[in-house]
């Protein structure tokens, strides 16, 4: 979403409206979008949150069930599906920049 604002791609108005509703000042004419975004994130108290990365999925491809089952994936042992969000190191009332 941040990239939409920086490059003024379709959908950037939604992100800007969302930030303004959280307390950021409206972008002024002639202000570079990247500069406004940086200032807006500071104004709403957003912060970066580190996470373990995206989930990965693997599918066996084949014409029928027999072909699919004969394919060895060579993956490490399966770990349980993560059912909890990533741990947060700091707990504050500030808005998260993870969605931006």
N, C-alpha and C. Protein backbone atom coordinates (compact mmCIF):
# COMPACT_ATOMS: atom_id res chain seq x y z
N UNK A 1 0.81 -1.18 0.00
CA UNK A 1 0.00 0.00 0.00
C UNK A 1 0.86 1.26 0.00
N UNK A 2 1.98 1.19 0.69
CA UNK A 2 2.87 2.35 0.73
C UNK A 2 3.39 2.66 -0.67
N UNK A 3 3.67 1.63 -1.43
CA UNK A 3 4.18 1.85 -2.79
C UNK A 3 3.13 2.52 -3.67
N UNK A 4 1.86 2.23 -3.43
CA UNK A 4 0.80 2.89 -4.18
C UNK A 4 0.85 4.40 -3.94
N UNK A 5 1.08 4.79 -2.71
CA UNK A 5 1.16 6.22 -2.40
C UNK A 5 2.41 6.82 -3.02
N UNK A 6 3.55 6.16 -2.85
CA UNK A 6 4.81 6.71 -3.38
C UNK A 6 4.75 6.94 -4.88
N UNK A 7 4.15 6.01 -5.61
CA UNK A 7 4.11 6.11 -7.07
C UNK A 7 2.79 6.64 -7.61
N UNK A 8 1.87 6.99 -6.69
CA UNK A 8 0.55 7.49 -7.07
C UNK A 8 -0.17 6.51 -8.01
N UNK A 9 -0.08 5.24 -7.67
CA UNK A 9 -0.73 4.19 -8.45
C UNK A 9 -2.21 4.14 -8.10
N UNK A 10 -3.02 3.46 -8.92
CA UNK A 10 -4.44 3.34 -8.60
C UNK A 10 -4.64 2.75 -7.21
N UNK A 11 -5.51 3.37 -6.43
CA UNK A 11 -5.77 2.92 -5.08
C UNK A 11 -5.08 3.76 -4.02
N UNK A 12 -4.25 4.71 -4.43
CA UNK A 12 -3.51 5.51 -3.45
C UNK A 12 -4.45 6.41 -2.65
N UNK A 13 -5.59 6.82 -3.25
CA UNK A 13 -6.52 7.68 -2.53
C UNK A 13 -7.06 6.98 -1.28
N UNK A 14 -7.32 5.68 -1.39
CA UNK A 14 -7.83 4.92 -0.24
C UNK A 14 -6.83 4.95 0.90
N UNK A 15 -5.56 4.73 0.59
CA UNK A 15 -4.52 4.71 1.62
C UNK A 15 -4.39 6.09 2.25
N UNK A 16 -4.40 7.12 1.43
CA UNK A 16 -4.29 8.48 1.95
C UNK A 16 -5.47 8.81 2.85
N UNK A 17 -6.68 8.43 2.44
CA UNK A 17 -7.87 8.67 3.25
C UNK A 17 -7.78 7.95 4.58
N UNK A 18 -7.28 6.72 4.54
CA UNK A 18 -7.14 5.94 5.76
C UNK A 18 -6.15 6.61 6.73
N UNK A 19 -5.03 7.07 6.22
CA UNK A 19 -4.04 7.74 7.07
C UNK A 19 -4.58 9.06 7.61
N UNK A 20 -5.31 9.80 6.80
CA UNK A 20 -5.88 11.07 7.25
C UNK A 20 -6.90 10.82 8.36
N UNK A 21 -7.69 9.74 8.22
CA UNK A 21 -8.68 9.42 9.26
C UNK A 21 -8.02 9.00 10.57
N UNK A 22 -6.77 8.56 10.50
CA UNK A 22 -6.02 8.18 11.71
C UNK A 22 -5.31 9.37 12.35
N UNK A 23 -5.33 10.54 11.69
CA UNK A 23 -4.73 11.72 12.28
C UNK A 23 -3.63 12.37 11.49
N UNK A 24 -3.31 11.86 10.32
CA UNK A 24 -2.27 12.48 9.49
C UNK A 24 -2.84 13.71 8.80
N UNK A 25 -1.97 14.67 8.51
CA UNK A 25 -2.41 15.86 7.78
C UNK A 25 -2.58 15.50 6.31
N UNK A 26 -3.45 16.22 5.63
CA UNK A 26 -3.71 15.97 4.21
C UNK A 26 -2.49 16.38 3.39
N UNK A 27 -2.24 15.67 2.29
CA UNK A 27 -1.09 16.05 1.45
C UNK A 27 -1.31 17.43 0.82
N UNK A 28 -0.27 18.25 0.83
CA UNK A 28 -0.36 19.58 0.24
C UNK A 28 0.06 19.51 -1.22
N UNK A 29 -0.44 20.42 -2.01
CA UNK A 29 -0.09 20.48 -3.43
C UNK A 29 1.41 20.71 -3.57
N UNK A 30 2.03 19.95 -4.45
CA UNK A 30 3.45 20.10 -4.70
C UNK A 30 4.35 19.26 -3.80
N UNK A 31 3.77 18.63 -2.77
CA UNK A 31 4.57 17.78 -1.88
C UNK A 31 4.80 16.44 -2.55
N UNK A 32 6.03 15.95 -2.46
CA UNK A 32 6.32 14.63 -3.02
C UNK A 32 5.58 13.58 -2.20
N UNK A 33 4.94 12.61 -2.87
CA UNK A 33 4.17 11.59 -2.15
C UNK A 33 4.99 10.80 -1.15
N UNK A 34 6.24 10.50 -1.47
CA UNK A 34 7.08 9.72 -0.55
C UNK A 34 7.37 10.51 0.72
N UNK A 35 7.57 11.81 0.60
CA UNK A 35 7.83 12.66 1.76
C UNK A 35 6.57 12.74 2.61
N UNK A 36 5.41 12.96 1.96
CA UNK A 36 4.15 13.03 2.70
C UNK A 36 3.90 11.72 3.44
N UNK A 37 4.13 10.59 2.79
CA UNK A 37 3.89 9.29 3.42
C UNK A 37 4.75 9.13 4.67
N UNK A 38 6.03 9.46 4.57
CA UNK A 38 6.94 9.35 5.71
C UNK A 38 6.43 10.20 6.88
N UNK A 39 6.04 11.43 6.59
CA UNK A 39 5.52 12.32 7.64
C UNK A 39 4.20 11.81 8.20
N UNK A 40 3.33 11.30 7.34
CA UNK A 40 2.02 10.81 7.78
C UNK A 40 2.18 9.61 8.70
N UNK A 41 3.10 8.72 8.39
CA UNK A 41 3.31 7.55 9.24
C UNK A 41 3.83 7.95 10.62
N UNK A 42 4.66 8.99 10.67
CA UNK A 42 5.13 9.49 11.97
C UNK A 42 3.97 10.11 12.73
N UNK A 43 3.12 10.87 12.04
CA UNK A 43 2.00 11.55 12.69
C UNK A 43 1.01 10.56 13.30
N UNK A 44 0.77 9.43 12.65
CA UNK A 44 -0.20 8.46 13.19
C UNK A 44 0.46 7.50 14.17
N UNK A 45 1.77 7.59 14.34
CA UNK A 45 2.46 6.73 15.30
C UNK A 45 2.68 5.32 14.79
N UNK A 46 2.80 5.16 13.49
CA UNK A 46 3.01 3.83 12.90
C UNK A 46 4.44 3.37 13.16
N UNK A 47 4.61 2.07 13.21
CA UNK A 47 5.95 1.49 13.38
C UNK A 47 6.05 0.22 12.57
N UNK A 48 7.26 -0.15 12.23
CA UNK A 48 7.50 -1.38 11.47
C UNK A 48 7.48 -2.57 12.42
N UNK A 49 6.93 -3.66 11.95
CA UNK A 49 6.91 -4.89 12.73
C UNK A 49 7.56 -5.97 11.89
N UNK A 50 8.57 -6.63 12.46
CA UNK A 50 9.24 -7.73 11.76
C UNK A 50 8.40 -8.98 11.91
N UNK A 51 8.36 -9.77 10.84
CA UNK A 51 7.65 -11.04 10.91
C UNK A 51 8.46 -12.10 10.20
N UNK A 52 8.04 -13.33 10.35
CA UNK A 52 8.82 -14.46 9.84
C UNK A 52 8.73 -14.63 8.33
N UNK A 53 7.94 -13.85 7.66
CA UNK A 53 7.84 -13.93 6.22
C UNK A 53 6.57 -14.64 5.78
N UNK A 54 6.37 -14.70 4.47
CA UNK A 54 5.14 -15.30 3.95
C UNK A 54 5.15 -16.82 4.10
N UNK A 55 3.95 -17.39 4.10
CA UNK A 55 3.82 -18.84 4.13
C UNK A 55 4.13 -19.38 2.73
N UNK A 56 4.60 -20.60 2.65
CA UNK A 56 4.91 -21.22 1.36
C UNK A 56 4.06 -22.47 1.20
N UNK A 57 3.59 -22.68 0.01
CA UNK A 57 2.75 -23.83 -0.28
C UNK A 57 3.34 -24.60 -1.46
N UNK A 58 3.22 -25.91 -1.43
CA UNK A 58 3.74 -26.76 -2.50
C UNK A 58 2.61 -27.69 -2.93
N UNK A 59 2.44 -27.83 -4.24
CA UNK A 59 1.43 -28.72 -4.78
C UNK A 59 2.08 -29.69 -5.75
N UNK A 60 1.69 -30.92 -5.67
CA UNK A 60 2.15 -31.91 -6.66
C UNK A 60 1.29 -31.74 -7.90
N UNK A 61 1.94 -31.72 -9.06
CA UNK A 61 1.20 -31.57 -10.31
C UNK A 61 1.29 -32.87 -11.10
N UNK A 62 0.19 -33.30 -11.63
CA UNK A 62 0.13 -34.51 -12.43
C UNK A 62 -1.24 -34.64 -13.05
N UNK A 63 -1.36 -35.51 -14.04
CA UNK A 63 -2.63 -35.66 -14.75
C UNK A 63 -3.67 -36.38 -13.90
N UNK A 64 -3.21 -37.28 -13.04
CA UNK A 64 -4.16 -38.03 -12.21
C UNK A 64 -3.56 -38.22 -10.82
N UNK A 65 -4.34 -38.86 -9.96
CA UNK A 65 -3.92 -39.05 -8.57
C UNK A 65 -2.66 -39.89 -8.46
N UNK A 66 -2.56 -40.91 -9.27
CA UNK A 66 -1.39 -41.80 -9.23
C UNK A 66 -0.11 -41.02 -9.55
N UNK A 67 -0.16 -40.18 -10.57
CA UNK A 67 1.02 -39.37 -10.92
C UNK A 67 1.37 -38.39 -9.80
N UNK A 68 0.35 -37.76 -9.24
CA UNK A 68 0.61 -36.79 -8.17
C UNK A 68 1.22 -37.47 -6.95
N UNK A 69 0.73 -38.63 -6.58
CA UNK A 69 1.23 -39.32 -5.39
C UNK A 69 2.63 -39.89 -5.60
N UNK A 70 3.02 -40.11 -6.84
CA UNK A 70 4.35 -40.67 -7.10
C UNK A 70 5.46 -39.61 -7.06
N UNK A 71 5.09 -38.37 -7.03
CA UNK A 71 6.07 -37.29 -7.02
C UNK A 71 6.58 -37.07 -5.60
N UNK A 72 7.91 -37.10 -5.42
CA UNK A 72 8.52 -36.83 -4.13
C UNK A 72 8.91 -35.36 -4.10
N UNK A 73 8.53 -34.68 -3.06
CA UNK A 73 8.76 -33.24 -2.99
C UNK A 73 10.13 -32.88 -2.45
N UNK A 74 10.72 -33.72 -1.64
CA UNK A 74 12.04 -33.43 -1.10
C UNK A 74 12.04 -32.28 -0.12
N UNK A 75 10.95 -32.10 0.59
CA UNK A 75 10.85 -31.03 1.57
C UNK A 75 11.22 -31.54 2.96
N UNK A 76 11.62 -30.66 3.86
CA UNK A 76 11.88 -31.09 5.24
C UNK A 76 10.56 -31.50 5.90
N UNK A 77 10.69 -32.12 7.07
CA UNK A 77 9.50 -32.54 7.80
C UNK A 77 8.54 -31.38 7.97
N UNK A 78 7.26 -31.71 7.91
CA UNK A 78 6.24 -30.68 8.05
C UNK A 78 6.19 -30.14 9.47
N UNK A 79 6.08 -28.85 9.54
CA UNK A 79 5.87 -28.21 10.83
C UNK A 79 4.38 -27.88 10.92
N UNK A 80 3.84 -27.75 12.13
CA UNK A 80 2.42 -27.44 12.25
C UNK A 80 2.11 -26.10 11.62
N UNK A 81 0.92 -25.99 11.05
CA UNK A 81 0.48 -24.75 10.44
C UNK A 81 0.42 -23.66 11.51
N UNK A 82 0.99 -22.48 11.27
CA UNK A 82 0.98 -21.44 12.30
C UNK A 82 -0.43 -20.89 12.48
N UNK A 83 -0.96 -21.04 13.68
CA UNK A 83 -2.31 -20.59 13.95
C UNK A 83 -2.32 -19.30 14.75
N UNK A 84 -1.16 -18.86 15.19
CA UNK A 84 -1.07 -17.62 15.95
C UNK A 84 -0.29 -16.60 15.15
N UNK A 85 -0.58 -15.31 15.35
CA UNK A 85 0.21 -14.29 14.64
C UNK A 85 1.65 -14.29 15.13
N UNK A 86 2.51 -13.66 14.37
CA UNK A 86 3.90 -13.55 14.76
C UNK A 86 4.01 -12.80 16.08
N UNK A 87 4.97 -13.16 16.92
CA UNK A 87 5.10 -12.47 18.21
C UNK A 87 5.52 -11.02 18.01
N UNK A 88 4.99 -10.16 18.85
CA UNK A 88 5.32 -8.73 18.81
C UNK A 88 6.28 -8.46 19.95
N UNK A 89 7.37 -7.79 19.64
CA UNK A 89 8.38 -7.54 20.67
C UNK A 89 8.01 -6.38 21.56
N UNK A 90 7.33 -5.38 21.02
CA UNK A 90 6.93 -4.23 21.81
C UNK A 90 5.41 -4.14 21.81
N UNK A 91 4.83 -3.80 22.91
CA UNK A 91 3.39 -3.61 22.97
C UNK A 91 3.12 -2.16 23.32
N UNK A 92 2.64 -1.42 22.32
CA UNK A 92 2.25 -0.03 22.54
C UNK A 92 0.90 0.17 21.89
N UNK A 93 0.30 1.29 22.17
CA UNK A 93 -1.00 1.60 21.59
C UNK A 93 -0.89 2.21 20.20
N UNK A 94 0.32 2.31 19.65
CA UNK A 94 0.51 2.94 18.35
C UNK A 94 -0.04 2.08 17.24
N UNK A 95 -0.42 2.72 16.16
CA UNK A 95 -0.89 2.02 14.98
C UNK A 95 0.28 1.30 14.33
N UNK A 96 0.00 0.20 13.67
CA UNK A 96 1.04 -0.59 13.03
C UNK A 96 1.19 -0.20 11.57
N UNK A 97 2.43 -0.15 11.09
CA UNK A 97 2.71 0.11 9.68
C UNK A 97 2.77 -1.19 8.90
N UNK A 98 2.49 -2.30 9.54
CA UNK A 98 2.57 -3.59 8.86
C UNK A 98 1.56 -3.68 7.73
N UNK A 99 0.41 -3.00 7.85
CA UNK A 99 -0.58 -3.07 6.80
C UNK A 99 -0.27 -2.11 5.67
N UNK A 100 0.68 -1.23 5.87
CA UNK A 100 1.04 -0.28 4.82
C UNK A 100 2.19 -0.84 4.12
